[in-house]
């Protein structure tokens, strides 16, 4: 049984930083691609960042230069470091485990976490 658990969300002022964590079990983490998505109220869920098995990364244009995705295979955990946060980054952030990452595109798996709320507001 695959489990995906996100943590690290919260309230932060514009320009601030947060680090999200996503810990998994039930998959071979070291060879798995992992993705972070977000969904703002009234909007569709969108892909934010992906890290592949060899640490290849891709980012949404809206977060390039501000967000960094990384992974720790020893801890079965993927991180999303978010800097220079903006109000438009406010959303529920979801982790997706063991999707398909091919030719620069990520296709999500059925394995989602419960989400963690990020609110950027003064």
N, C-alpha and C. Protein backbone atom coordinates (compact mmCIF):
# COMPACT_ATOMS: atom_id res chain seq x y z
N UNK A 1 0.84 -1.19 0.00
CA UNK A 1 0.00 0.00 0.00
C UNK A 1 0.88 1.25 0.00
N UNK A 2 0.62 2.14 -0.96
CA UNK A 2 1.40 3.36 -1.07
C UNK A 2 0.82 4.43 -0.16
N UNK A 3 1.70 5.07 0.59
CA UNK A 3 1.29 6.20 1.42
C UNK A 3 2.12 7.42 1.06
N UNK A 4 1.45 8.56 1.00
CA UNK A 4 2.09 9.82 0.64
C UNK A 4 1.63 10.87 1.65
N UNK A 5 2.57 11.48 2.35
CA UNK A 5 2.21 12.42 3.41
C UNK A 5 3.00 13.71 3.23
N UNK A 6 2.26 14.82 3.04
CA UNK A 6 2.90 16.13 2.91
C UNK A 6 2.88 16.85 4.25
N UNK A 7 3.84 17.76 4.40
CA UNK A 7 3.88 18.62 5.59
C UNK A 7 4.64 19.89 5.26
N UNK A 8 4.52 20.88 6.14
CA UNK A 8 5.33 22.08 6.00
C UNK A 8 4.59 23.32 5.54
N UNK A 9 3.31 23.18 5.25
CA UNK A 9 2.56 24.35 4.82
C UNK A 9 2.32 25.31 5.98
N UNK A 10 1.74 26.47 5.63
CA UNK A 10 1.44 27.45 6.67
C UNK A 10 1.17 28.81 6.08
N UNK A 11 1.15 29.80 6.97
CA UNK A 11 0.93 31.19 6.58
C UNK A 11 2.27 31.92 6.56
N UNK A 12 2.53 32.62 5.48
CA UNK A 12 3.79 33.34 5.35
C UNK A 12 3.52 34.67 4.66
N UNK A 13 4.32 35.66 4.97
CA UNK A 13 4.18 36.96 4.34
C UNK A 13 4.79 36.96 2.94
N UNK A 14 4.32 37.82 2.08
CA UNK A 14 4.95 37.94 0.75
C UNK A 14 6.45 38.17 0.87
N UNK A 15 7.19 37.47 0.02
CA UNK A 15 8.65 37.54 0.08
C UNK A 15 9.27 36.52 0.99
N UNK A 16 8.46 35.82 1.76
CA UNK A 16 8.97 34.83 2.69
C UNK A 16 9.24 33.48 2.04
N UNK A 17 9.62 32.52 2.90
CA UNK A 17 9.98 31.19 2.42
C UNK A 17 9.28 30.11 3.24
N UNK A 18 9.08 28.97 2.58
CA UNK A 18 8.58 27.76 3.24
C UNK A 18 9.24 26.58 2.58
N UNK A 19 9.38 25.49 3.33
CA UNK A 19 9.84 24.23 2.74
C UNK A 19 8.80 23.15 3.01
N UNK A 20 8.30 22.60 1.94
CA UNK A 20 7.35 21.49 2.03
C UNK A 20 8.11 20.17 1.96
N UNK A 21 7.58 19.19 2.67
CA UNK A 21 8.14 17.84 2.64
C UNK A 21 7.07 16.85 2.24
N UNK A 22 7.50 15.80 1.57
CA UNK A 22 6.59 14.72 1.18
C UNK A 22 7.31 13.40 1.42
N UNK A 23 6.79 12.64 2.36
CA UNK A 23 7.40 11.36 2.72
C UNK A 23 6.51 10.23 2.21
N UNK A 24 7.14 9.23 1.62
CA UNK A 24 6.37 8.15 1.01
C UNK A 24 6.78 6.79 1.58
N UNK A 25 5.90 5.83 1.38
CA UNK A 25 6.20 4.43 1.67
C UNK A 25 5.44 3.58 0.67
N UNK A 26 5.93 2.36 0.47
CA UNK A 26 5.24 1.46 -0.44
C UNK A 26 5.68 1.57 -1.89
N UNK A 27 6.68 2.42 -2.16
CA UNK A 27 7.25 2.52 -3.50
C UNK A 27 8.76 2.39 -3.40
N UNK A 28 9.40 2.12 -4.53
CA UNK A 28 10.86 2.13 -4.55
C UNK A 28 11.27 3.57 -4.84
N UNK A 29 11.45 4.32 -3.78
CA UNK A 29 11.59 5.76 -3.89
C UNK A 29 12.77 6.16 -4.76
N UNK A 30 13.87 5.45 -4.66
CA UNK A 30 15.10 5.87 -5.34
C UNK A 30 14.97 5.85 -6.86
N UNK A 31 14.04 5.10 -7.39
CA UNK A 31 13.88 5.04 -8.84
C UNK A 31 12.56 5.69 -9.28
N UNK A 32 11.92 6.40 -8.37
CA UNK A 32 10.62 6.98 -8.66
C UNK A 32 10.71 8.47 -8.97
N UNK A 33 9.96 8.89 -9.95
CA UNK A 33 9.79 10.32 -10.20
C UNK A 33 8.71 10.85 -9.25
N UNK A 34 8.90 12.07 -8.80
CA UNK A 34 7.98 12.68 -7.84
C UNK A 34 7.58 14.06 -8.33
N UNK A 35 6.34 14.41 -8.09
CA UNK A 35 5.86 15.70 -8.54
C UNK A 35 5.13 16.47 -7.45
N UNK A 36 5.27 17.78 -7.49
CA UNK A 36 4.48 18.67 -6.64
C UNK A 36 3.46 19.40 -7.52
N UNK A 37 2.23 19.42 -7.08
CA UNK A 37 1.15 20.13 -7.73
C UNK A 37 0.56 21.13 -6.73
N UNK A 38 -0.24 22.03 -7.27
CA UNK A 38 -0.99 22.93 -6.38
C UNK A 38 -2.35 23.23 -6.99
N UNK A 39 -3.28 23.56 -6.11
CA UNK A 39 -4.62 23.91 -6.56
C UNK A 39 -5.12 25.07 -5.73
N UNK A 40 -5.35 26.18 -6.41
CA UNK A 40 -5.91 27.36 -5.77
C UNK A 40 -7.43 27.31 -5.86
N UNK A 41 -8.13 28.03 -4.98
CA UNK A 41 -9.59 28.01 -5.01
C UNK A 41 -10.13 28.41 -6.38
N UNK A 42 -11.04 27.61 -6.91
CA UNK A 42 -11.66 27.91 -8.18
C UNK A 42 -10.81 27.65 -9.39
N UNK A 43 -9.64 27.04 -9.19
CA UNK A 43 -8.74 26.77 -10.31
C UNK A 43 -8.43 25.28 -10.40
N UNK A 44 -7.95 24.89 -11.56
CA UNK A 44 -7.54 23.51 -11.76
C UNK A 44 -6.20 23.24 -11.08
N UNK A 45 -6.02 21.97 -10.74
CA UNK A 45 -4.73 21.58 -10.18
C UNK A 45 -3.66 21.73 -11.25
N UNK A 46 -2.51 22.30 -10.87
CA UNK A 46 -1.44 22.52 -11.83
C UNK A 46 -0.12 21.94 -11.32
N UNK A 47 0.69 21.51 -12.28
CA UNK A 47 1.99 20.97 -11.94
C UNK A 47 2.94 22.11 -11.59
N UNK A 48 3.67 21.93 -10.49
CA UNK A 48 4.60 22.96 -10.02
C UNK A 48 6.04 22.54 -10.30
N UNK A 49 6.41 21.33 -9.92
CA UNK A 49 7.79 20.88 -10.07
C UNK A 49 7.84 19.36 -10.07
N UNK A 50 8.86 18.84 -10.76
CA UNK A 50 9.07 17.39 -10.85
C UNK A 50 10.54 17.10 -10.66
N UNK A 51 10.82 15.96 -10.02
CA UNK A 51 12.19 15.47 -9.96
C UNK A 51 12.19 14.01 -10.37
N UNK A 52 13.09 13.68 -11.30
CA UNK A 52 13.16 12.33 -11.79
C UNK A 52 14.13 11.47 -10.99
N UNK A 53 14.26 10.21 -11.41
CA UNK A 53 15.09 9.27 -10.67
C UNK A 53 16.55 9.68 -10.65
N UNK A 54 16.99 10.39 -11.67
CA UNK A 54 18.38 10.86 -11.71
C UNK A 54 18.49 12.33 -11.33
N UNK A 55 17.47 12.81 -10.64
CA UNK A 55 17.44 14.19 -10.13
C UNK A 55 17.27 15.24 -11.22
N UNK A 56 16.85 14.83 -12.39
CA UNK A 56 16.44 15.80 -13.41
C UNK A 56 15.20 16.52 -12.91
N UNK A 57 15.16 17.83 -13.13
CA UNK A 57 14.03 18.60 -12.62
C UNK A 57 13.37 19.42 -13.71
N UNK A 58 12.09 19.69 -13.54
CA UNK A 58 11.37 20.65 -14.37
C UNK A 58 10.49 21.49 -13.45
N UNK A 59 10.21 22.70 -13.89
CA UNK A 59 9.41 23.64 -13.09
C UNK A 59 8.39 24.35 -13.98
N UNK A 60 7.29 24.71 -13.35
CA UNK A 60 6.35 25.60 -14.02
C UNK A 60 7.01 26.96 -14.19
N UNK A 61 6.68 27.64 -15.27
CA UNK A 61 7.30 28.95 -15.53
C UNK A 61 7.05 29.92 -14.38
N UNK A 62 5.91 29.80 -13.73
CA UNK A 62 5.54 30.74 -12.69
C UNK A 62 6.40 30.62 -11.43
N UNK A 63 7.13 29.51 -11.29
CA UNK A 63 7.93 29.32 -10.07
C UNK A 63 9.42 29.21 -10.35
N UNK A 64 9.81 29.22 -11.61
CA UNK A 64 11.24 29.10 -11.94
C UNK A 64 12.05 30.21 -11.28
N UNK A 65 13.17 29.80 -10.70
CA UNK A 65 14.03 30.76 -10.02
C UNK A 65 13.63 31.03 -8.59
N UNK A 66 12.45 30.57 -8.17
CA UNK A 66 12.00 30.81 -6.80
C UNK A 66 11.83 29.50 -6.02
N UNK A 67 11.43 28.45 -6.70
CA UNK A 67 11.19 27.16 -6.05
C UNK A 67 12.28 26.17 -6.45
N UNK A 68 12.62 25.29 -5.54
CA UNK A 68 13.59 24.23 -5.80
C UNK A 68 13.07 22.91 -5.27
N UNK A 69 13.04 21.91 -6.14
CA UNK A 69 12.64 20.57 -5.73
C UNK A 69 13.89 19.73 -5.52
N UNK A 70 13.88 18.90 -4.48
CA UNK A 70 15.02 18.03 -4.20
C UNK A 70 14.50 16.77 -3.53
N UNK A 71 15.38 15.77 -3.43
CA UNK A 71 14.95 14.51 -2.82
C UNK A 71 16.07 13.92 -1.98
N UNK A 72 15.67 13.18 -0.96
CA UNK A 72 16.60 12.46 -0.10
C UNK A 72 16.19 10.99 -0.14
N UNK A 73 16.92 10.20 -0.90
CA UNK A 73 16.55 8.80 -1.07
C UNK A 73 16.63 8.02 0.25
N UNK A 74 17.53 8.42 1.13
CA UNK A 74 17.67 7.72 2.41
C UNK A 74 16.44 7.92 3.30
N UNK A 75 15.73 9.01 3.09
CA UNK A 75 14.55 9.32 3.91
C UNK A 75 13.24 9.14 3.15
N UNK A 76 13.32 8.68 1.90
CA UNK A 76 12.11 8.53 1.07
C UNK A 76 11.29 9.82 1.05
N UNK A 77 11.98 10.93 0.93
CA UNK A 77 11.33 12.24 1.06
C UNK A 77 11.74 13.16 -0.07
N UNK A 78 10.75 13.88 -0.58
CA UNK A 78 10.99 14.91 -1.58
C UNK A 78 10.61 16.24 -0.94
N UNK A 79 11.37 17.28 -1.28
CA UNK A 79 11.16 18.60 -0.70
C UNK A 79 10.81 19.61 -1.79
N UNK A 80 10.13 20.66 -1.38
CA UNK A 80 9.90 21.80 -2.25
C UNK A 80 10.26 23.05 -1.44
N UNK A 81 11.41 23.62 -1.75
CA UNK A 81 11.84 24.87 -1.12
C UNK A 81 11.23 26.02 -1.90
N UNK A 82 10.45 26.84 -1.22
CA UNK A 82 9.75 27.94 -1.87
C UNK A 82 10.24 29.26 -1.30
N UNK A 83 10.87 30.05 -2.15
CA UNK A 83 11.40 31.36 -1.75
C UNK A 83 10.67 32.47 -2.49
N UNK A 84 10.82 33.68 -2.00
CA UNK A 84 10.20 34.86 -2.64
C UNK A 84 8.72 34.60 -2.93
N UNK A 85 8.03 34.11 -1.94
CA UNK A 85 6.63 33.74 -2.14
C UNK A 85 5.76 34.95 -2.44
N UNK A 86 4.76 34.71 -3.28
CA UNK A 86 3.83 35.74 -3.71
C UNK A 86 2.41 35.33 -3.31
N UNK A 87 1.51 36.28 -3.19
CA UNK A 87 0.12 35.92 -2.87
C UNK A 87 -0.48 34.92 -3.86
N UNK A 88 -0.07 34.99 -5.11
CA UNK A 88 -0.59 34.05 -6.11
C UNK A 88 -0.07 32.62 -5.94
N UNK A 89 0.87 32.42 -5.03
CA UNK A 89 1.31 31.06 -4.71
C UNK A 89 0.38 30.39 -3.70
N UNK A 90 -0.57 31.13 -3.18
CA UNK A 90 -1.52 30.56 -2.22
C UNK A 90 -2.32 29.44 -2.87
N UNK A 91 -2.28 28.27 -2.24
CA UNK A 91 -2.94 27.09 -2.79
C UNK A 91 -2.76 25.93 -1.81
N UNK A 92 -3.47 24.86 -2.10
CA UNK A 92 -3.17 23.58 -1.45
C UNK A 92 -2.15 22.88 -2.33
N UNK A 93 -1.07 22.45 -1.71
CA UNK A 93 0.02 21.80 -2.44
C UNK A 93 -0.06 20.29 -2.21
N UNK A 94 0.00 19.56 -3.31
CA UNK A 94 -0.12 18.11 -3.27
C UNK A 94 1.15 17.46 -3.82
N UNK A 95 1.49 16.34 -3.23
CA UNK A 95 2.60 15.53 -3.71
C UNK A 95 2.06 14.32 -4.46
N UNK A 96 2.69 14.02 -5.57
CA UNK A 96 2.32 12.83 -6.35
C UNK A 96 3.54 11.92 -6.45
N UNK A 97 3.33 10.66 -6.15
CA UNK A 97 4.45 9.72 -6.06
C UNK A 97 4.46 8.72 -7.22
N UNK A 98 5.67 8.53 -7.74
CA UNK A 98 5.90 7.47 -8.72
C UNK A 98 5.11 7.65 -10.00
N UNK A 99 5.08 8.89 -10.47
CA UNK A 99 4.48 9.12 -11.78
C UNK A 99 5.46 8.75 -12.88
N UNK A 100 5.04 8.99 -14.12
CA UNK A 100 5.88 8.71 -15.28
C UNK A 100 6.49 10.01 -15.76
N UNK A 101 7.80 10.03 -15.83
CA UNK A 101 8.54 11.22 -16.23
C UNK A 101 9.33 10.86 -17.48
N UNK A 102 8.90 11.40 -18.61
CA UNK A 102 9.50 11.01 -19.88
C UNK A 102 9.49 12.19 -20.83
N UNK A 103 10.64 12.41 -21.49
CA UNK A 103 10.76 13.46 -22.50
C UNK A 103 10.29 14.81 -21.98
N UNK A 104 10.62 15.09 -20.72
CA UNK A 104 10.30 16.38 -20.14
C UNK A 104 8.88 16.56 -19.68
N UNK A 105 8.10 15.51 -19.75
CA UNK A 105 6.71 15.58 -19.31
C UNK A 105 6.47 14.62 -18.15
N UNK A 106 5.60 15.04 -17.24
CA UNK A 106 5.28 14.20 -16.08
C UNK A 106 3.81 13.81 -16.13
N UNK A 107 3.56 12.52 -15.96
CA UNK A 107 2.20 11.98 -15.97
C UNK A 107 1.94 11.41 -14.58
N UNK A 108 0.98 12.00 -13.88
CA UNK A 108 0.77 11.65 -12.49
C UNK A 108 0.29 10.22 -12.32
N UNK A 109 0.61 9.66 -11.17
CA UNK A 109 0.14 8.34 -10.76
C UNK A 109 -1.11 8.51 -9.89
N UNK A 110 -1.73 7.41 -9.49
CA UNK A 110 -2.88 7.51 -8.57
C UNK A 110 -2.50 7.82 -7.12
N UNK A 111 -1.20 7.95 -6.86
CA UNK A 111 -0.73 8.06 -5.48
C UNK A 111 -0.54 9.53 -5.08
N UNK A 112 -1.54 10.05 -4.37
CA UNK A 112 -1.54 11.44 -3.94
C UNK A 112 -1.54 11.53 -2.42
N UNK A 113 -0.96 12.61 -1.93
CA UNK A 113 -1.09 12.92 -0.52
C UNK A 113 -2.38 13.70 -0.27
N UNK A 114 -2.58 14.06 0.98
CA UNK A 114 -3.80 14.75 1.37
C UNK A 114 -3.73 16.25 1.12
N UNK A 115 -2.53 16.75 0.85
CA UNK A 115 -2.35 18.17 0.58
C UNK A 115 -1.97 18.96 1.82
N UNK A 116 -1.27 20.06 1.60
CA UNK A 116 -0.90 20.96 2.68
C UNK A 116 -1.15 22.40 2.22
N UNK A 117 -1.79 23.19 3.06
CA UNK A 117 -2.19 24.54 2.68
C UNK A 117 -1.03 25.51 2.81
N UNK A 118 -0.82 26.28 1.77
CA UNK A 118 0.15 27.38 1.79
C UNK A 118 -0.62 28.68 1.54
N UNK A 119 -0.50 29.61 2.47
CA UNK A 119 -1.17 30.89 2.34
C UNK A 119 -0.12 31.99 2.43
N UNK A 120 -0.09 32.83 1.38
CA UNK A 120 0.85 33.94 1.34
C UNK A 120 0.04 35.23 1.46
N UNK A 121 0.20 35.89 2.58
CA UNK A 121 -0.62 37.07 2.84
C UNK A 121 0.06 37.93 3.90
N UNK A 122 -0.16 39.24 3.77
CA UNK A 122 0.36 40.15 4.79
C UNK A 122 -0.72 40.43 5.85
